[in-house]
Protein backbone atom coordinates (compact mmCIF):
# COMPACT_ATOMS: atom_id res chain seq x y z
CA MET A 1 -1.66 17.06 15.69
CA LYS A 2 -0.12 17.20 12.38
CA ASN A 3 -2.30 15.51 9.93
CA LYS A 4 -1.48 15.09 6.13
CA ILE A 5 -4.09 12.62 4.83
CA PHE A 6 -2.89 11.90 1.31
CA SER A 7 -5.23 12.38 -1.62
CA LEU A 8 -6.32 9.77 -4.09
CA LEU A 9 -3.80 6.94 -3.79
CA LEU A 10 -1.00 9.46 -3.30
CA LEU A 11 1.00 6.85 -1.19
CA SER A 12 -0.40 3.74 -2.75
CA CYS A 13 3.20 3.61 -4.56
CA LEU A 14 2.28 6.10 -7.42
CA SER A 15 5.31 8.10 -6.20
CA LEU A 16 3.44 11.11 -7.48
CA SER A 17 3.55 9.82 -10.82
CA PHE A 18 -0.20 10.72 -12.01
CA ALA A 19 0.70 14.26 -12.29
CA ALA A 20 3.98 13.65 -13.88
CA THR A 21 2.42 11.59 -16.74
CA ALA A 22 -0.98 13.01 -17.02
CA ALA A 23 -0.24 15.13 -19.74
CA LEU A 24 0.48 12.06 -22.05
CA LEU A 25 -3.03 10.70 -21.64
CA THR A 26 -6.44 11.72 -22.76
CA PRO A 27 -8.97 12.37 -19.88
CA GLU A 28 -10.43 8.88 -20.78
CA GLN A 29 -7.14 7.32 -20.60
CA GLN A 30 -6.33 8.90 -17.30
CA GLN A 31 -9.68 7.63 -15.94
CA ALA A 32 -8.68 4.16 -17.14
CA LYS A 33 -5.56 4.47 -15.41
CA GLU A 34 -6.87 5.60 -12.17
CA GLN A 35 -9.45 2.87 -12.33
CA GLY A 36 -6.90 0.19 -13.01
CA VAL A 37 -4.97 1.48 -10.10
CA ILE A 38 -7.81 1.38 -7.80
CA TYR A 39 -8.42 -2.18 -8.52
CA TYR A 40 -4.75 -3.03 -8.12
CA MET A 41 -4.73 -1.39 -5.03
CA ILE A 42 -7.18 -3.59 -3.50
CA GLY A 43 -5.78 -6.86 -5.00
CA LEU A 44 -7.93 -7.37 -7.88
CA CYS A 45 -5.53 -7.67 -10.81
CA ASN A 46 -8.13 -9.43 -12.88
CA HIS A 47 -10.18 -6.34 -13.12
CA ALA A 48 -7.20 -3.84 -13.19
CA ALA A 49 -5.45 -5.61 -16.19
CA PRO A 50 -7.71 -4.58 -18.93
CA TYR A 51 -7.61 -0.84 -17.64
CA LEU A 52 -3.79 -0.81 -17.13
CA LYS A 53 -3.08 -2.38 -20.39
CA GLN A 54 -4.81 0.30 -22.11
CA THR A 55 -2.64 3.09 -20.80
CA ALA A 56 0.41 0.77 -20.84
CA GLU A 57 0.02 0.61 -24.55
CA VAL A 58 0.13 4.33 -25.16
CA GLY A 59 3.43 4.44 -23.24
CA ASP A 60 2.32 5.51 -19.68
CA LYS A 61 5.26 3.94 -17.55
CA ASP A 62 3.21 3.48 -14.20
CA SER A 63 0.60 1.58 -16.18
CA GLN A 64 3.34 -0.51 -17.82
CA TYR A 65 4.87 -1.40 -14.48
CA TYR A 66 1.41 -2.34 -12.57
CA TYR A 67 0.22 -4.22 -15.70
CA ALA A 68 3.55 -6.22 -15.64
CA ASP A 69 2.86 -6.78 -12.04
CA CYS A 70 -0.47 -8.20 -12.47
CA ARG A 71 0.87 -10.43 -15.25
CA TYR A 72 3.73 -11.65 -12.89
CA GLN A 73 1.07 -12.28 -10.21
CA LYS A 74 -1.12 -14.47 -12.40
CA ASP A 75 1.61 -16.35 -13.97
CA GLN A 76 3.53 -16.68 -10.71
CA MET A 77 6.68 -16.26 -12.72
CA LEU A 78 8.36 -13.82 -14.98
CA THR A 79 7.28 -14.40 -18.36
CA ASP A 80 7.96 -12.88 -21.71
CA GLU A 81 4.80 -10.91 -21.31
CA SER A 82 5.55 -9.39 -17.85
CA ALA A 83 9.27 -8.82 -18.79
CA TYR A 84 8.31 -6.96 -21.78
CA TRP A 85 6.21 -4.63 -19.89
CA TYR A 86 8.69 -4.26 -17.04
CA GLN A 87 11.17 -3.29 -19.57
CA GLN A 88 9.23 -0.92 -21.29
CA ALA A 89 8.82 1.13 -17.71
CA ALA A 90 12.51 0.49 -16.84
CA GLU A 91 13.45 2.14 -20.30
CA GLN A 92 11.49 5.26 -18.97
CA GLY A 93 13.47 5.40 -15.93
CA ASP A 94 11.24 3.41 -13.44
CA ILE A 95 13.92 1.95 -10.93
CA TYR A 96 11.48 -0.55 -9.45
CA ALA A 97 10.93 -2.08 -12.98
CA MET A 98 14.83 -2.10 -13.25
CA MET A 99 14.77 -4.02 -10.00
CA ARG A 100 12.20 -6.51 -11.31
CA LEU A 101 14.47 -7.19 -14.18
CA SER A 102 17.53 -7.61 -12.33
CA GLY A 103 16.71 -10.45 -10.04
CA ASN A 104 16.63 -13.97 -10.56
CA ASP A 105 13.22 -15.58 -10.74
CA ARG A 106 13.50 -19.25 -9.26
CA TRP A 107 10.27 -20.40 -10.56
CA CYS A 108 10.71 -19.59 -14.17
CA LYS A 109 14.30 -21.22 -13.84
CA THR A 110 12.52 -24.29 -12.42
CA PHE A 111 10.35 -24.62 -15.25
CA ASN A 112 12.89 -23.50 -17.70
CA GLN A 113 10.71 -20.63 -19.03
CA CYS A 114 12.60 -17.64 -18.21
CA PRO A 115 12.49 -14.80 -20.75
CA LYS A 116 15.20 -14.52 -23.31
CA ASN A 117 17.41 -11.44 -23.76
CA ILE A 118 16.96 -10.04 -20.42
CA ASP A 119 20.49 -8.75 -19.23
CA THR A 120 19.69 -9.02 -15.35
CA THR A 121 23.35 -7.77 -14.63
CA ALA A 122 22.81 -4.55 -16.85
CA TRP A 123 19.59 -3.64 -15.21
CA ARG A 124 20.86 -4.41 -11.75
CA ASN A 125 23.77 -2.06 -12.24
CA LYS A 126 21.68 0.57 -13.87
CA ALA A 127 19.09 0.38 -11.05
CA LYS A 128 21.85 0.84 -8.36
CA GLN A 129 23.51 3.77 -10.36
CA GLN A 130 20.35 5.60 -10.73
CA ALA A 131 19.35 5.07 -7.15
CA LEU A 132 22.83 6.01 -6.04
CA ALA A 133 22.71 9.25 -7.78
CA LYS A 134 19.39 10.21 -6.42
CA ALA A 135 20.49 9.07 -2.84
CA LYS A 136 23.44 11.39 -3.00
CA GLN A 137 20.87 14.39 -3.47
CA GLY A 138 19.04 13.21 -0.44
CA ASP A 139 16.15 11.33 -1.98
CA GLY A 140 14.83 9.23 0.65
CA GLU A 141 12.87 6.85 -1.73
CA ALA A 142 16.21 6.26 -3.43
CA MET A 143 17.90 5.03 -0.03
CA LEU A 144 14.71 2.68 0.35
CA GLN A 145 15.27 1.36 -3.02
CA LEU A 146 18.82 0.69 -2.40
CA TYR A 147 17.91 -1.10 0.81
CA LEU A 148 15.50 -3.21 -1.16
CA MET A 149 18.37 -4.11 -3.60
CA THR A 150 20.88 -4.80 -1.11
CA ASP A 151 19.23 -5.75 2.28
CA ASP A 152 21.57 -3.23 3.94
CA LEU A 153 19.66 -2.08 6.80
CA SER A 154 21.80 0.97 6.98
CA TRP A 155 20.14 2.26 3.50
CA LEU A 156 16.80 2.02 5.15
CA GLU A 157 17.85 4.01 8.19
CA LYS A 158 19.04 6.59 5.94
CA GLY A 159 16.11 6.74 4.03
CA ALA A 160 14.04 7.08 7.24
CA ALA A 161 16.19 9.93 8.43
CA ALA A 162 15.84 11.74 5.33
CA GLY A 163 11.97 11.74 5.85
CA ASP A 164 10.56 9.20 3.34
CA PRO A 165 7.55 8.01 5.16
CA VAL A 166 7.46 4.47 3.50
CA ALA A 167 10.96 4.03 4.56
CA GLN A 168 10.06 5.26 8.03
CA TYR A 169 7.44 2.81 8.30
CA THR A 170 9.27 -0.06 6.86
CA LEU A 171 12.10 0.72 9.27
CA ALA A 172 9.70 0.45 12.21
CA ARG A 173 8.36 -2.90 11.05
CA LYS A 174 11.98 -4.23 10.73
CA TYR A 175 12.86 -3.15 14.20
CA ASP A 176 9.82 -4.85 15.42
CA ASP A 177 10.83 -8.04 13.59
CA ARG A 178 14.13 -8.05 15.37
CA ALA A 179 16.11 -6.51 12.69
CA GLY A 180 18.95 -4.09 14.12
CA HIS A 181 20.66 -3.92 17.49
CA PHE A 182 19.32 -2.54 20.74
CA ALA A 183 20.67 -2.72 24.26
CA THR A 184 17.18 -3.38 25.91
CA PRO A 185 13.70 -4.36 24.53
CA GLU A 186 12.69 -1.16 25.87
CA LEU A 187 15.08 0.66 23.31
CA ARG A 188 13.68 -1.36 20.56
CA GLU A 189 10.09 -0.57 21.35
CA ALA A 190 11.03 3.23 21.64
CA ALA A 191 12.58 2.92 18.13
CA VAL A 192 9.36 1.20 16.74
CA ALA A 193 7.27 4.00 18.07
CA LYS A 194 9.52 6.82 16.91
CA TRP A 195 9.52 5.79 13.30
CA THR A 196 5.90 4.64 13.17
CA LYS A 197 5.07 8.04 14.51
CA ALA A 198 7.30 10.09 12.11
CA SER A 199 5.59 8.17 9.28
CA ALA A 200 2.16 8.65 10.81
CA GLU A 201 2.72 12.48 11.13
CA GLN A 202 3.14 12.47 7.38
CA GLY A 203 -0.45 10.72 6.91
CA TYR A 204 1.03 7.38 5.62
CA PRO A 205 -2.25 5.17 6.24
CA LYS A 206 -0.42 2.12 7.41
CA ALA A 207 1.66 4.11 9.83
CA MET A 208 -1.41 6.13 11.34
CA TYR A 209 -3.16 2.53 11.95
CA ASP A 210 -0.33 0.97 13.46
CA TYR A 211 0.54 4.17 15.66
CA ALA A 212 -3.08 4.30 16.87
CA TYR A 213 -2.58 0.88 18.51
CA ILE A 214 0.92 1.99 19.83
CA LEU A 215 -1.03 5.18 21.56
CA ARG A 216 -3.58 2.76 22.80
CA LYS A 217 -1.08 0.74 24.49
CA GLN A 218 0.41 3.92 26.10
CA LYS A 219 -3.11 4.64 27.40
CA LYS A 220 -3.22 7.77 25.36
CA ILE A 221 -6.93 6.90 24.15
CA ASP A 222 -8.00 10.15 22.64
CA GLU A 223 -4.93 10.67 20.36
CA ALA A 224 -5.13 7.02 19.47
CA GLN A 225 -8.69 7.44 18.39
CA GLN A 226 -7.85 10.25 16.17
CA TYR A 227 -5.18 8.38 14.49
CA LEU A 228 -7.30 5.36 13.78
CA ILE A 229 -9.99 7.55 12.47
CA ASN A 230 -7.42 9.41 10.30
CA SER A 231 -6.38 6.12 8.84
CA VAL A 232 -9.81 4.94 8.17
CA ASN A 233 -10.45 8.24 6.19
CA THR A 234 -7.88 7.37 3.81
CA GLY A 235 -9.77 4.17 2.72
CA TYR A 236 -7.16 1.86 4.22
CA VAL A 237 -9.08 -1.50 4.47
CA ASP A 238 -7.41 -2.85 7.43
CA ALA A 239 -8.29 0.12 9.41
CA ILE A 240 -11.82 0.19 7.97
CA PHE A 241 -12.36 -3.59 9.09
CA SER A 242 -11.04 -2.61 12.65
CA TYR A 243 -12.99 0.30 12.95
CA ALA A 244 -16.20 -1.70 11.94
CA VAL A 245 -15.53 -4.31 14.47
CA ILE A 246 -15.09 -1.79 17.36
CA LEU A 247 -18.11 -0.01 16.18
CA LYS A 248 -20.01 -3.37 16.31
CA ASP A 249 -18.80 -4.06 19.96
CA GLY A 250 -18.28 -0.70 21.28
CA GLY A 251 -14.69 0.30 22.23
CA GLU A 252 -15.03 2.65 24.96
CA ASN A 253 -12.15 0.91 26.88
CA GLU A 254 -10.00 0.77 23.75
CA PHE A 255 -10.55 3.95 21.69
CA ASN A 256 -13.45 5.63 23.49
CA ILE A 257 -15.62 4.86 20.65
CA GLN A 258 -19.44 4.09 21.11
CA GLN A 259 -21.25 1.28 19.53
CA ASP A 260 -23.00 2.32 16.25
CA LEU A 261 -24.19 -1.01 14.57
CA VAL A 262 -25.59 1.13 11.50
CA LYS A 263 -22.00 2.46 10.60
CA SER A 264 -20.60 -0.88 11.51
CA TYR A 265 -22.70 -2.67 9.17
CA ALA A 266 -22.16 0.06 6.47
CA LEU A 267 -18.33 -0.15 6.65
CA PHE A 268 -18.39 -4.16 6.56
CA SER A 269 -20.60 -3.93 3.61
CA LEU A 270 -18.27 -1.87 1.75
CA LEU A 271 -15.50 -4.22 2.19
CA VAL A 272 -17.73 -7.07 1.02
CA SER A 273 -18.91 -4.91 -2.07
CA HIS A 274 -15.36 -4.17 -3.21
CA LYS A 275 -14.07 -7.83 -2.63
CA THR A 276 -11.03 -6.58 -0.48
CA ARG A 277 -8.78 -9.12 1.13
CA ASN A 278 -11.01 -9.12 4.32
CA SER A 279 -14.24 -9.11 2.59
CA THR A 280 -14.90 -12.90 3.48
CA LEU A 281 -14.39 -12.36 7.05
CA ALA A 282 -16.59 -9.23 7.06
CA GLU A 283 -19.16 -10.92 5.38
CA SER A 284 -18.96 -13.76 7.86
CA ILE A 285 -19.40 -10.96 10.67
CA ILE A 286 -22.33 -9.50 8.98
CA LYS A 287 -24.35 -13.00 8.63
CA ASP A 288 -23.22 -14.56 11.92
CA HIS A 289 -22.22 -12.18 14.48
CA MET A 290 -23.99 -8.73 13.73
CA PRO A 291 -27.12 -8.27 15.72
CA VAL A 292 -30.37 -8.31 13.37
CA LEU A 293 -30.71 -4.89 12.10
CA SER A 294 -34.20 -3.53 11.39
CA LYS A 295 -35.22 -2.49 7.85
CA GLU A 296 -34.75 1.07 8.97
CA GLN A 297 -31.46 0.55 10.16
CA LEU A 298 -30.51 -1.38 7.00
CA GLU A 299 -31.67 1.58 4.86
CA GLN A 300 -29.67 3.99 7.09
CA ALA A 301 -26.64 1.78 6.68
CA LYS A 302 -26.97 1.74 2.99
CA ALA A 303 -27.24 5.51 2.73
CA TYR A 304 -23.92 6.05 4.99
CA ALA A 305 -22.11 3.63 2.94
CA GLU A 306 -23.11 5.47 -0.17
CA GLN A 307 -22.24 9.02 1.30
CA TRP A 308 -18.94 7.44 2.81
CA GLN A 309 -17.67 6.50 -0.61
CA LYS A 310 -18.54 9.80 -2.15
CA GLU A 311 -16.58 11.69 0.64
CA HIS A 312 -13.41 9.36 0.90
CA PRO A 313 -10.65 8.13 -1.23
CA PRO A 314 -11.23 4.63 -2.86
CA LEU A 315 -10.62 1.61 -0.60
CA SER A 316 -6.89 0.78 -0.78
CA GLU A 317 -4.39 -1.67 0.70
CA TYR A 318 -1.89 1.14 0.22
CA TYR A 319 0.63 -1.47 -1.51
CA THR A 320 4.23 -0.11 -2.00
CA LYS A 321 5.55 -0.49 -5.42
CA TYR A 322 7.85 -3.35 -4.39
CA HIS A 323 5.31 -4.87 -2.06
CA TYR A 324 5.91 -8.50 -2.71
CA PRO A 325 9.25 -10.23 -2.90
CA ALA A 326 8.81 -11.54 -6.57
CA PHE A 327 12.32 -12.57 -7.91
CA HIS A 328 14.41 -9.88 -6.19
């Protein structure tokens, strides 16, 4: 089975930009950027912002975009500060930043606090022009961007056909949510499986996780297990949580995975210590639903968790760069 597990945050919406911008940063600044993005990718913007601001201020466009996103999420509206940093990234060619600047933020309008001097029409036109130019060259991500700008499903379908794994995964989810037209439910289900598989085969963590459950439903247990574990090995927090539950209960009937309370406890504890979105539920399971472990087992779990972190990418939600609707 083809297995291209992406390295550190490769598909957590960095668009291969670490390598492209690393030359602009000192080693210390690069480390700060990476730490900021790691926090961002598990939803801890309050921790991410100080790191991202450091590298945003020296001109790193990815940091500018993510710092702007953190400010936007904190304020729940487009403010002068978030607009400033989106614009800095947009002026360096970041199409997603242009998209952020091209919309209408209903909350800032409601409170009459919208940033001044932002030409939304100009940024909208520029974003579309640049995305169209790239799309004409076969760029699948640009086709995904055009879908996000227009809600025209045909652009998403083109992006998936062009091989962009995020477009493929997004198309599968849209089909699953009743988008598109299919003669029968079976044909829709087949299309969902087709594009989830295409994305999973490229190593996209979310797709691998979803495809594992599609395969389980098809009774292809061994293959389902491998896709689930591959997703876990990318650090994808939803996959880790599900895997920890299976290890706690024993998943012989679902994924042919034997019960292992030590590994289960270790993985739950990682989610708790990193304050992931599902950390509260993980902590509740440890306290109220996990069989009592011996002192020796707890020491083994601690050692396993420490070793796991050394051998795997950081925990991540693998957010796409346009992962929340904001003001588009």
